[in-house]
Amino acid sequence: MKMLVACYSYTGNTLKAAEALQRLIGADLTRIEALKDRWYLFKAYYAIKEKKVPIKPCITDLKDYDGIIICCPVWAGKTPSAVNEYLSKLENVRGKKFAILITSGGGKQQKASVRIKEQLEKCGARYIDMLRILEKDINNDEYLKKVESFAKKF
């Protein structure tokens, strides 16, 4: 199965987990990055308001892939605005498989994962699974065990 790992990472924690997953399953990796870097509080505000921001060019067409894994942090229970924009730009999603990898410091993660899941299912994609990784797991390398187990689904 040829998969695309699409990753947005602000602190590097999500990227660390996404790269480990990418290596384990032999997937392609595309970085989701806002066109204009903003101060963290602006990013958090935009996430809370579920806004979108322009993003740098990255892989958005899934025609050459069997599926996609969206990797992102959760801010105040919401997805980052660059991820919201990325999801709206995805093409050839119908019939593809998808999974979600979410990182956070703790707290509410459910809303963010539900938003991603609903948006991709609305486009005709088929949900596989979701992995939640806490910041403390990244810091002590516990995330590797979780990512290895998650990778077996692909």
N, C-alpha and C. Protein backbone atom coordinates (compact mmCIF):
# COMPACT_ATOMS: atom_id res chain seq x y z
N MET A 1 0.85 -1.17 0.00
CA MET A 1 0.00 0.00 0.00
C MET A 1 0.90 1.24 0.00
N LYS A 2 0.70 2.13 -0.97
CA LYS A 2 1.50 3.35 -1.05
C LYS A 2 0.78 4.46 -0.29
N MET A 3 1.42 4.94 0.76
CA MET A 3 0.81 5.94 1.63
C MET A 3 1.57 7.26 1.58
N LEU A 4 0.83 8.34 1.84
CA LEU A 4 1.41 9.67 1.99
C LEU A 4 1.24 10.08 3.44
N VAL A 5 2.32 10.50 4.07
CA VAL A 5 2.27 11.07 5.41
C VAL A 5 2.32 12.58 5.24
N ALA A 6 1.24 13.26 5.64
CA ALA A 6 1.16 14.72 5.54
C ALA A 6 1.28 15.29 6.94
N CYS A 7 2.31 16.09 7.18
CA CYS A 7 2.64 16.51 8.54
C CYS A 7 2.72 18.02 8.70
N TYR A 8 2.02 18.52 9.71
CA TYR A 8 2.20 19.88 10.18
C TYR A 8 2.81 19.78 11.57
N SER A 9 3.90 20.50 11.79
CA SER A 9 4.56 20.46 13.09
C SER A 9 5.08 21.84 13.45
N TYR A 10 4.73 22.32 14.63
CA TYR A 10 5.20 23.63 15.08
C TYR A 10 6.47 23.50 15.91
N THR A 11 6.49 22.56 16.84
CA THR A 11 7.64 22.43 17.75
C THR A 11 8.62 21.34 17.33
N GLY A 12 8.21 20.51 16.38
CA GLY A 12 9.04 19.39 15.96
C GLY A 12 8.59 18.06 16.52
N ASN A 13 7.71 18.07 17.52
CA ASN A 13 7.23 16.82 18.12
C ASN A 13 6.44 15.99 17.12
N THR A 14 5.52 16.62 16.42
CA THR A 14 4.71 15.89 15.44
C THR A 14 5.58 15.38 14.31
N LEU A 15 6.52 16.19 13.87
CA LEU A 15 7.41 15.77 12.78
C LEU A 15 8.23 14.55 13.19
N LYS A 16 8.68 14.53 14.42
CA LYS A 16 9.46 13.39 14.92
C LYS A 16 8.66 12.09 14.80
N ALA A 17 7.41 12.13 15.23
CA ALA A 17 6.53 10.95 15.14
C ALA A 17 6.21 10.62 13.69
N ALA A 18 5.94 11.64 12.87
CA ALA A 18 5.59 11.43 11.46
C ALA A 18 6.75 10.81 10.69
N GLU A 19 7.96 11.28 10.95
CA GLU A 19 9.13 10.72 10.26
C GLU A 19 9.38 9.27 10.67
N ALA A 20 9.15 8.96 11.94
CA ALA A 20 9.30 7.56 12.39
C ALA A 20 8.29 6.68 11.67
N LEU A 21 7.05 7.14 11.57
CA LEU A 21 6.01 6.39 10.88
C LEU A 21 6.34 6.25 9.39
N GLN A 22 6.78 7.32 8.79
CA GLN A 22 7.14 7.32 7.37
C GLN A 22 8.22 6.29 7.07
N ARG A 23 9.23 6.23 7.91
CA ARG A 23 10.32 5.26 7.73
C ARG A 23 9.80 3.83 7.88
N LEU A 24 8.97 3.60 8.87
CA LEU A 24 8.47 2.25 9.15
C LEU A 24 7.59 1.69 8.04
N ILE A 25 6.81 2.55 7.39
CA ILE A 25 5.88 2.04 6.36
C ILE A 25 6.35 2.35 4.94
N GLY A 26 7.49 3.03 4.81
CA GLY A 26 8.02 3.34 3.49
C GLY A 26 7.15 4.31 2.71
N ALA A 27 6.55 5.26 3.41
CA ALA A 27 5.65 6.24 2.79
C ALA A 27 6.41 7.46 2.30
N ASP A 28 5.75 8.25 1.47
CA ASP A 28 6.25 9.57 1.12
C ASP A 28 5.83 10.53 2.24
N LEU A 29 6.59 11.61 2.41
CA LEU A 29 6.29 12.60 3.43
C LEU A 29 6.15 13.96 2.78
N THR A 30 5.08 14.67 3.11
CA THR A 30 4.93 16.05 2.66
C THR A 30 4.71 16.91 3.90
N ARG A 31 5.36 18.07 3.92
CA ARG A 31 5.24 19.00 5.06
C ARG A 31 4.14 20.01 4.77
N ILE A 32 3.26 20.20 5.71
CA ILE A 32 2.23 21.23 5.64
C ILE A 32 2.78 22.43 6.40
N GLU A 33 2.98 23.54 5.69
CA GLU A 33 3.55 24.73 6.32
C GLU A 33 2.77 25.95 5.90
N ALA A 34 2.48 26.82 6.85
CA ALA A 34 1.81 28.08 6.54
C ALA A 34 2.74 28.92 5.67
N LEU A 35 2.14 29.63 4.73
CA LEU A 35 2.93 30.48 3.85
C LEU A 35 3.63 31.57 4.65
N LYS A 36 2.93 32.11 5.63
CA LYS A 36 3.48 33.17 6.47
C LYS A 36 3.53 32.66 7.91
N ASP A 37 4.73 32.64 8.49
CA ASP A 37 4.86 32.18 9.87
C ASP A 37 4.36 33.28 10.80
N ARG A 38 3.50 32.91 11.71
CA ARG A 38 2.93 33.87 12.65
C ARG A 38 3.33 33.50 14.07
N TRP A 39 3.16 34.46 14.94
CA TRP A 39 3.41 34.28 16.36
C TRP A 39 2.46 33.22 16.90
N TYR A 40 2.89 32.44 17.86
CA TYR A 40 2.12 31.30 18.37
C TYR A 40 0.69 31.68 18.78
N LEU A 41 0.50 32.81 19.45
CA LEU A 41 -0.85 33.18 19.89
C LEU A 41 -1.79 33.40 18.71
N PHE A 42 -1.27 33.95 17.61
CA PHE A 42 -2.10 34.09 16.41
C PHE A 42 -2.49 32.71 15.88
N LYS A 43 -1.53 31.81 15.86
CA LYS A 43 -1.80 30.45 15.38
C LYS A 43 -2.87 29.78 16.24
N ALA A 44 -2.76 29.91 17.54
CA ALA A 44 -3.73 29.31 18.45
C ALA A 44 -5.11 29.94 18.25
N TYR A 45 -5.16 31.26 18.11
CA TYR A 45 -6.44 31.95 17.88
C TYR A 45 -7.09 31.46 16.60
N TYR A 46 -6.31 31.38 15.52
CA TYR A 46 -6.85 30.92 14.23
C TYR A 46 -7.35 29.48 14.34
N ALA A 47 -6.65 28.66 15.10
CA ALA A 47 -7.08 27.27 15.28
C ALA A 47 -8.42 27.22 16.03
N ILE A 48 -8.52 27.99 17.11
CA ILE A 48 -9.75 28.02 17.90
C ILE A 48 -10.93 28.46 17.04
N LYS A 49 -10.70 29.43 16.18
CA LYS A 49 -11.76 29.96 15.30
C LYS A 49 -11.96 29.10 14.05
N GLU A 50 -11.17 28.02 13.93
CA GLU A 50 -11.24 27.09 12.80
C GLU A 50 -11.03 27.79 11.46
N LYS A 51 -10.12 28.74 11.46
CA LYS A 51 -9.79 29.47 10.24
C LYS A 51 -8.79 28.69 9.40
N LYS A 52 -8.62 29.15 8.16
CA LYS A 52 -7.62 28.58 7.25
C LYS A 52 -6.62 29.67 6.93
N VAL A 53 -5.38 29.26 6.65
CA VAL A 53 -4.36 30.21 6.21
C VAL A 53 -3.69 29.63 4.96
N PRO A 54 -3.19 30.49 4.08
CA PRO A 54 -2.49 29.98 2.90
C PRO A 54 -1.30 29.11 3.31
N ILE A 55 -1.06 28.05 2.53
CA ILE A 55 0.05 27.14 2.82
C ILE A 55 1.03 27.10 1.66
N LYS A 56 2.25 26.68 1.99
CA LYS A 56 3.28 26.51 0.96
C LYS A 56 2.92 25.30 0.09
N PRO A 57 3.44 25.26 -1.13
CA PRO A 57 3.16 24.11 -2.00
C PRO A 57 3.61 22.80 -1.34
N CYS A 58 2.75 21.80 -1.44
CA CYS A 58 3.03 20.46 -0.92
C CYS A 58 2.13 19.48 -1.67
N ILE A 59 2.30 18.21 -1.43
CA ILE A 59 1.51 17.21 -2.15
C ILE A 59 0.07 17.23 -1.62
N THR A 60 -0.87 17.55 -2.52
CA THR A 60 -2.29 17.55 -2.17
C THR A 60 -3.10 16.60 -3.05
N ASP A 61 -2.50 16.10 -4.12
CA ASP A 61 -3.20 15.20 -5.04
C ASP A 61 -2.87 13.76 -4.67
N LEU A 62 -3.88 12.99 -4.32
CA LEU A 62 -3.67 11.61 -3.86
C LEU A 62 -3.79 10.58 -4.97
N LYS A 63 -3.79 11.01 -6.23
CA LYS A 63 -4.01 10.06 -7.33
C LYS A 63 -2.98 8.93 -7.35
N ASP A 64 -1.76 9.18 -6.91
CA ASP A 64 -0.71 8.15 -6.92
C ASP A 64 -0.60 7.39 -5.60
N TYR A 65 -1.55 7.60 -4.70
CA TYR A 65 -1.48 7.00 -3.36
C TYR A 65 -2.71 6.16 -3.06
N ASP A 66 -2.52 5.16 -2.20
CA ASP A 66 -3.64 4.35 -1.72
C ASP A 66 -4.29 5.00 -0.50
N GLY A 67 -3.55 5.89 0.14
CA GLY A 67 -4.10 6.54 1.32
C GLY A 67 -3.19 7.62 1.87
N ILE A 68 -3.67 8.26 2.93
CA ILE A 68 -2.97 9.38 3.54
C ILE A 68 -3.07 9.28 5.07
N ILE A 69 -2.01 9.71 5.73
CA ILE A 69 -2.02 9.81 7.19
C ILE A 69 -1.78 11.27 7.52
N ILE A 70 -2.76 11.91 8.14
CA ILE A 70 -2.65 13.31 8.54
C ILE A 70 -2.03 13.35 9.93
N CYS A 71 -0.92 14.06 10.05
CA CYS A 71 -0.20 14.18 11.33
C CYS A 71 -0.19 15.65 11.75
N CYS A 72 -0.70 15.94 12.92
CA CYS A 72 -0.72 17.33 13.37
C CYS A 72 -0.85 17.42 14.88
N PRO A 73 -0.48 18.56 15.44
CA PRO A 73 -0.72 18.79 16.86
C PRO A 73 -2.17 19.23 17.06
N VAL A 74 -2.58 19.26 18.31
CA VAL A 74 -3.90 19.78 18.67
C VAL A 74 -3.67 21.02 19.51
N TRP A 75 -4.36 22.09 19.14
CA TRP A 75 -4.28 23.34 19.90
C TRP A 75 -5.67 23.68 20.40
N ALA A 76 -5.84 23.72 21.71
CA ALA A 76 -7.13 24.03 22.33
C ALA A 76 -8.24 23.15 21.76
N GLY A 77 -7.91 21.89 21.53
CA GLY A 77 -8.88 20.94 21.02
C GLY A 77 -9.16 21.05 19.54
N LYS A 78 -8.42 21.87 18.84
CA LYS A 78 -8.69 22.14 17.41
C LYS A 78 -7.47 21.83 16.56
N THR A 79 -7.71 21.69 15.24
CA THR A 79 -6.61 21.49 14.30
C THR A 79 -6.00 22.83 13.93
N PRO A 80 -4.71 22.88 13.68
CA PRO A 80 -4.07 24.12 13.24
C PRO A 80 -4.67 24.61 11.92
N SER A 81 -4.67 25.92 11.73
CA SER A 81 -5.29 26.52 10.55
C SER A 81 -4.63 26.06 9.25
N ALA A 82 -3.34 25.79 9.25
CA ALA A 82 -2.67 25.30 8.04
C ALA A 82 -3.19 23.91 7.66
N VAL A 83 -3.53 23.10 8.65
CA VAL A 83 -4.09 21.77 8.39
C VAL A 83 -5.50 21.91 7.83
N ASN A 84 -6.27 22.86 8.35
CA ASN A 84 -7.61 23.11 7.81
C ASN A 84 -7.53 23.45 6.33
N GLU A 85 -6.58 24.29 5.97
CA GLU A 85 -6.40 24.67 4.56
C GLU A 85 -5.96 23.46 3.74
N TYR A 86 -5.03 22.68 4.26
CA TYR A 86 -4.54 21.50 3.55
C TYR A 86 -5.68 20.54 3.24
N LEU A 87 -6.51 20.27 4.23
CA LEU A 87 -7.63 19.35 4.03
C LEU A 87 -8.57 19.84 2.93
N SER A 88 -8.75 21.15 2.85
CA SER A 88 -9.64 21.71 1.82
C SER A 88 -9.04 21.63 0.43
N LYS A 89 -7.72 21.48 0.33
CA LYS A 89 -7.04 21.43 -0.96
C LYS A 89 -6.82 20.00 -1.48
N LEU A 90 -7.09 19.00 -0.68
CA LEU A 90 -6.85 17.62 -1.11
C LEU A 90 -7.68 17.26 -2.34
N GLU A 91 -7.05 16.54 -3.26
CA GLU A 91 -7.71 16.09 -4.49
C GLU A 91 -7.62 14.57 -4.59
N ASN A 92 -8.56 13.99 -5.34
CA ASN A 92 -8.60 12.54 -5.59
C ASN A 92 -8.59 11.73 -4.30
N VAL A 93 -9.47 12.12 -3.40
CA VAL A 93 -9.57 11.50 -2.08
C VAL A 93 -10.53 10.31 -2.08
N ARG A 94 -11.54 10.35 -2.93
CA ARG A 94 -12.58 9.31 -2.94
C ARG A 94 -11.98 7.92 -3.05
N GLY A 95 -12.39 7.03 -2.14
CA GLY A 95 -11.94 5.65 -2.15
C GLY A 95 -10.59 5.40 -1.49
N LYS A 96 -9.90 6.46 -1.09
CA LYS A 96 -8.59 6.31 -0.44
C LYS A 96 -8.79 5.99 1.04
N LYS A 97 -7.80 5.37 1.63
CA LYS A 97 -7.81 5.09 3.06
C LYS A 97 -7.13 6.26 3.78
N PHE A 98 -7.52 6.50 5.02
CA PHE A 98 -6.84 7.55 5.78
C PHE A 98 -6.76 7.19 7.25
N ALA A 99 -5.75 7.76 7.88
CA ALA A 99 -5.55 7.62 9.32
C ALA A 99 -5.10 8.97 9.86
N ILE A 100 -5.11 9.09 11.16
CA ILE A 100 -4.78 10.35 11.81
C ILE A 100 -3.77 10.08 12.92
N LEU A 101 -2.74 10.91 12.99
CA LEU A 101 -1.76 10.87 14.08
C LEU A 101 -1.78 12.26 14.71
N ILE A 102 -2.16 12.31 15.97
CA ILE A 102 -2.29 13.59 16.66
C ILE A 102 -1.33 13.63 17.85
N THR A 103 -0.69 14.79 18.03
CA THR A 103 0.17 15.00 19.20
C THR A 103 -0.41 16.15 20.02
N SER A 104 -0.19 16.08 21.33
CA SER A 104 -0.64 17.17 22.18
C SER A 104 0.06 17.09 23.53
N GLY A 105 -0.05 18.18 24.26
CA GLY A 105 0.49 18.22 25.60
C GLY A 105 -0.43 17.53 26.60
N GLY A 106 -1.63 17.23 26.17
CA GLY A 106 -2.64 16.62 27.02
C GLY A 106 -3.97 17.26 26.70
N GLY A 107 -4.96 17.01 27.49
CA GLY A 107 -6.24 17.67 27.30
C GLY A 107 -7.06 17.15 26.15
N LYS A 108 -7.88 18.03 25.60
CA LYS A 108 -8.87 17.67 24.59
C LYS A 108 -8.23 17.44 23.23
N GLN A 109 -8.42 16.25 22.70
CA GLN A 109 -7.93 15.93 21.36
C GLN A 109 -9.07 15.48 20.46
N GLN A 110 -10.18 15.15 21.07
CA GLN A 110 -11.28 14.54 20.34
C GLN A 110 -11.82 15.42 19.22
N LYS A 111 -12.05 16.71 19.49
CA LYS A 111 -12.64 17.59 18.47
C LYS A 111 -11.78 17.65 17.22
N ALA A 112 -10.48 17.74 17.40
CA ALA A 112 -9.58 17.84 16.25
C ALA A 112 -9.65 16.59 15.40
N SER A 113 -9.60 15.44 16.02
CA SER A 113 -9.63 14.20 15.26
C SER A 113 -10.98 14.00 14.58
N VAL A 114 -12.06 14.38 15.24
CA VAL A 114 -13.39 14.27 14.65
C VAL A 114 -13.50 15.18 13.43
N ARG A 115 -12.96 16.38 13.53
CA ARG A 115 -13.02 17.33 12.40
C ARG A 115 -12.29 16.75 11.18
N ILE A 116 -11.10 16.23 11.38
CA ILE A 116 -10.34 15.64 10.27
C ILE A 116 -11.10 14.44 9.71
N LYS A 117 -11.57 13.59 10.58
CA LYS A 117 -12.29 12.38 10.16
C LYS A 117 -13.53 12.74 9.34
N GLU A 118 -14.33 13.66 9.84
CA GLU A 118 -15.55 14.05 9.13
C GLU A 118 -15.24 14.66 7.77
N GLN A 119 -14.23 15.51 7.72
CA GLN A 119 -13.90 16.17 6.46
C GLN A 119 -13.45 15.16 5.40
N LEU A 120 -12.62 14.21 5.78
CA LEU A 120 -12.14 13.22 4.81
C LEU A 120 -13.22 12.21 4.43
N GLU A 121 -14.05 11.83 5.39
CA GLU A 121 -15.15 10.91 5.06
C GLU A 121 -16.15 11.58 4.12
N LYS A 122 -16.36 12.87 4.30
CA LYS A 122 -17.25 13.61 3.42
C LYS A 122 -16.75 13.59 1.97
N CYS A 123 -15.44 13.50 1.80
CA CYS A 123 -14.83 13.43 0.47
C CYS A 123 -14.79 12.00 -0.08
N GLY A 124 -15.26 11.04 0.70
CA GLY A 124 -15.32 9.66 0.23
C GLY A 124 -14.15 8.78 0.65
N ALA A 125 -13.32 9.26 1.58
CA ALA A 125 -12.19 8.46 2.06
C ALA A 125 -12.68 7.49 3.15
N ARG A 126 -11.90 6.42 3.36
CA ARG A 126 -12.26 5.39 4.34
C ARG A 126 -11.30 5.43 5.53
N TYR A 127 -11.86 5.59 6.70
CA TYR A 127 -11.10 5.70 7.94
C TYR A 127 -10.47 4.36 8.33
N ILE A 128 -9.18 4.40 8.71
CA ILE A 128 -8.48 3.21 9.19
C ILE A 128 -8.37 3.26 10.72
N ASP A 129 -7.68 4.29 11.23
CA ASP A 129 -7.44 4.35 12.68
C ASP A 129 -6.85 5.70 13.05
N MET A 130 -6.70 5.90 14.36
CA MET A 130 -6.09 7.13 14.85
C MET A 130 -5.11 6.79 15.97
N LEU A 131 -4.02 7.56 16.03
CA LEU A 131 -3.03 7.43 17.10
C LEU A 131 -2.88 8.78 17.78
N ARG A 132 -2.97 8.76 19.11
CA ARG A 132 -2.73 9.97 19.90
C ARG A 132 -1.42 9.80 20.65
N ILE A 133 -0.57 10.80 20.53
CA ILE A 133 0.72 10.77 21.22
C ILE A 133 0.84 12.02 22.08
N LEU A 134 1.16 11.83 23.35
CA LEU A 134 1.35 12.96 24.25
C LEU A 134 2.79 13.45 24.18
N GLU A 135 2.96 14.72 24.47
CA GLU A 135 4.30 15.33 24.44
C GLU A 135 5.27 14.58 25.34
N LYS A 136 4.81 14.13 26.50
CA LYS A 136 5.71 13.41 27.42
C LYS A 136 6.23 12.12 26.78
N ASP A 137 5.41 11.49 25.92
CA ASP A 137 5.84 10.27 25.23
C ASP A 137 6.92 10.57 24.19
N ILE A 138 6.83 11.73 23.57
CA ILE A 138 7.86 12.14 22.60
C ILE A 138 9.17 12.38 23.34
N ASN A 139 9.08 13.05 24.47
CA ASN A 139 10.28 13.42 25.23
C ASN A 139 11.02 12.21 25.80
N ASN A 140 10.31 11.11 26.08
CA ASN A 140 11.00 9.94 26.63
C ASN A 140 11.05 8.76 25.66
N ASP A 141 10.78 9.03 24.41
CA ASP A 141 10.84 8.03 23.32
C ASP A 141 9.81 6.91 23.43
N GLU A 142 8.82 7.05 24.31
CA GLU A 142 7.74 6.07 24.40
C GLU A 142 6.90 6.06 23.13
N TYR A 143 6.92 7.18 22.42
CA TYR A 143 6.12 7.30 21.19
C TYR A 143 6.52 6.25 20.15
N LEU A 144 7.78 5.82 20.17
CA LEU A 144 8.26 4.87 19.16
C LEU A 144 7.48 3.55 19.22
N LYS A 145 7.18 3.07 20.42
CA LYS A 145 6.40 1.83 20.56
C LYS A 145 5.01 2.01 19.98
N LYS A 146 4.41 3.17 20.25
CA LYS A 146 3.07 3.45 19.75
C LYS A 146 3.07 3.55 18.22
N VAL A 147 4.07 4.23 17.68
CA VAL A 147 4.16 4.39 16.23
C VAL A 147 4.40 3.03 15.56
N GLU A 148 5.25 2.20 16.15
CA GLU A 148 5.50 0.86 15.59
C GLU A 148 4.22 0.03 15.55
N SER A 149 3.44 0.09 16.59
CA SER A 149 2.17 -0.64 16.62
C SER A 149 1.19 -0.08 15.58
N PHE A 150 1.12 1.23 15.48
CA PHE A 150 0.25 1.91 14.52
C PHE A 150 0.66 1.56 13.08
N ALA A 151 1.96 1.49 12.83
CA ALA A 151 2.50 1.22 11.49
C ALA A 151 2.06 -0.14 10.96
N LYS A 152 1.79 -1.08 11.85
CA LYS A 152 1.39 -2.43 11.42
C LYS A 152 0.05 -2.43 10.69
N LYS A 153 -0.70 -1.36 10.82
CA LYS A 153 -2.01 -1.26 10.16
C LYS A 153 -1.89 -0.88 8.69
N PHE A 154 -0.66 -0.59 8.27
CA PHE A 154 -0.43 -0.17 6.88
C PHE A 154 0.46 -1.16 6.18
